[in-house]
Amino acid sequence: MTWIITKYFLTAAVVVLVSELAKRSDRLGGFVAALPLVTILALIWLYVEHQPPEKIANHAWYTFWYVIPTLPMFLVFPALLPRLGFWPTLVACMLVTAACFSLFALAVRRFGIDLL
């Protein structure tokens, strides 16, 4: 139980760090948010918990493919925010991301990459 609480604490600390940095500097906050900190933590947790190397490698592999269709959201969000406000923009970005992911999954399936 202590290990799970430690994992939650450290992972939450990363999110708090990013949000605090973003309040002070748009560029620094964006840079740190763009780092794959959550993925790095997940890889560490998997390794420390003695998961097989194949499982850890698969996690990194799928993370790569899942990141690509999320990227348009980072262009849509600043474009919609002044027009729609925060919450409608966030919902619109979730829908855009879901659509991009679905289309991307269909496209890469042709190359033998099964994301769904």
Protein backbone atom coordinates (compact mmCIF):
# COMPACT_ATOMS: atom_id res chain seq x y z
CA MET A 1 0.00 0.00 0.00
CA THR A 2 2.87 2.37 0.78
CA TRP A 3 4.27 1.80 -2.71
CA ILE A 4 0.98 2.79 -4.37
CA ILE A 5 0.74 5.94 -2.25
CA THR A 6 4.34 6.81 -3.18
CA LYS A 7 3.52 6.32 -6.88
CA TYR A 8 0.47 8.56 -6.60
CA PHE A 9 2.42 11.23 -4.74
CA LEU A 10 5.33 11.35 -7.18
CA THR A 11 3.08 11.25 -10.24
CA ALA A 12 0.84 14.01 -8.83
CA ALA A 13 3.93 16.06 -8.00
CA VAL A 14 4.87 16.05 -11.70
CA VAL A 15 1.46 17.46 -12.65
CA VAL A 16 1.66 20.13 -9.94
CA LEU A 17 5.19 21.04 -11.05
CA VAL A 18 4.07 21.54 -14.64
CA SER A 19 1.08 23.68 -13.66
CA GLU A 20 3.18 25.81 -11.32
CA LEU A 21 5.87 26.32 -13.96
CA ALA A 22 3.21 27.23 -16.53
CA LYS A 23 1.89 29.96 -14.20
CA ARG A 24 5.34 31.54 -14.11
CA SER A 25 6.45 31.02 -17.71
CA ASP A 26 4.40 29.97 -20.74
CA ARG A 27 7.48 28.70 -22.54
CA LEU A 28 8.99 26.80 -19.62
CA GLY A 29 5.61 25.32 -18.66
CA GLY A 30 5.01 24.22 -22.23
CA PHE A 31 8.50 22.76 -22.51
CA VAL A 32 8.21 20.72 -19.32
CA ALA A 33 4.66 19.63 -20.22
CA ALA A 34 5.93 18.42 -23.60
CA LEU A 35 8.51 16.18 -21.96
CA PRO A 36 7.26 12.62 -21.66
CA LEU A 37 7.38 12.75 -17.86
CA VAL A 38 4.30 10.61 -17.29
CA THR A 39 5.59 8.01 -19.74
CA ILE A 40 9.01 8.02 -18.10
CA LEU A 41 7.39 7.53 -14.69
CA ALA A 42 5.21 4.72 -16.06
CA LEU A 43 8.27 3.00 -17.55
CA ILE A 44 10.07 3.34 -14.23
CA TRP A 45 7.08 1.97 -12.29
CA LEU A 46 6.81 -0.99 -14.68
CA TYR A 47 10.52 -1.73 -14.36
CA VAL A 48 10.61 -1.37 -10.56
CA GLU A 49 7.60 -3.67 -10.33
CA HIS A 50 9.51 -6.33 -12.30
CA GLN A 51 7.35 -6.31 -15.41
CA PRO A 52 8.79 -8.24 -18.35
CA PRO A 53 10.89 -6.23 -20.81
CA GLU A 54 8.36 -6.98 -23.57
CA LYS A 55 5.61 -5.29 -21.54
CA ILE A 56 7.77 -2.21 -20.92
CA ALA A 57 8.79 -2.05 -24.59
CA ASN A 58 5.15 -2.42 -25.70
CA HIS A 59 4.17 0.45 -23.43
CA ALA A 60 6.74 2.72 -25.09
CA TRP A 61 5.73 1.48 -28.57
CA TYR A 62 2.02 2.18 -28.10
CA THR A 63 2.68 5.50 -26.39
CA PHE A 64 4.48 6.67 -29.52
CA TRP A 65 1.54 5.77 -31.75
CA TYR A 66 -1.04 7.24 -29.35
CA VAL A 67 0.77 10.59 -29.09
CA ILE A 68 0.64 11.34 -32.83
CA PRO A 69 -3.15 11.79 -33.13
CA THR A 70 -3.26 13.98 -30.01
CA LEU A 71 -1.00 16.64 -31.52
CA PRO A 72 -3.70 18.52 -33.51
CA MET A 73 -5.41 19.34 -30.20
CA PHE A 74 -2.51 21.63 -29.32
CA LEU A 75 -3.21 23.70 -32.44
CA VAL A 76 -7.01 23.64 -32.15
CA PHE A 77 -7.07 24.66 -28.46
CA PRO A 78 -5.45 28.12 -28.81
CA ALA A 79 -7.50 28.80 -31.94
CA LEU A 80 -10.84 28.02 -30.28
CA LEU A 81 -10.21 29.34 -26.77
CA PRO A 82 -10.84 33.06 -27.52
CA ARG A 83 -13.99 32.18 -29.50
CA LEU A 84 -15.63 29.53 -27.31
CA GLY A 85 -14.21 29.92 -23.81
CA PHE A 86 -12.39 27.29 -21.78
CA TRP A 87 -14.89 24.47 -21.18
CA PRO A 88 -16.45 24.37 -24.67
CA THR A 89 -12.93 24.48 -26.16
CA LEU A 90 -11.83 21.62 -23.94
CA VAL A 91 -14.82 19.52 -25.00
CA ALA A 92 -14.24 20.39 -28.67
CA CYS A 93 -10.59 19.38 -28.33
CA MET A 94 -11.57 16.06 -26.80
CA LEU A 95 -13.88 15.41 -29.75
CA VAL A 96 -11.19 16.46 -32.25
CA THR A 97 -8.69 14.17 -30.53
CA ALA A 98 -11.13 11.24 -30.57
CA ALA A 99 -11.81 11.81 -34.28
CA CYS A 100 -8.11 12.13 -35.07
CA PHE A 101 -7.35 9.00 -33.10
CA SER A 102 -10.06 6.99 -34.87
CA LEU A 103 -8.90 8.10 -38.31
CA PHE A 104 -5.25 7.55 -37.41
CA ALA A 105 -5.98 4.04 -36.07
CA LEU A 106 -7.72 3.16 -39.33
CA ALA A 107 -4.82 4.55 -41.37
CA VAL A 108 -2.05 2.71 -39.51
CA ARG A 109 -3.99 -0.55 -39.46
CA ARG A 110 -3.07 -0.87 -43.14
CA PHE A 111 0.56 -1.13 -42.01
CA GLY A 112 -0.13 -3.84 -39.43
CA ILE A 113 -0.33 -1.50 -36.41
CA ASP A 114 -3.46 -2.29 -34.41
CA LEU A 115 -4.34 0.55 -32.00
CA LEU A 116 -7.97 -0.31 -31.31
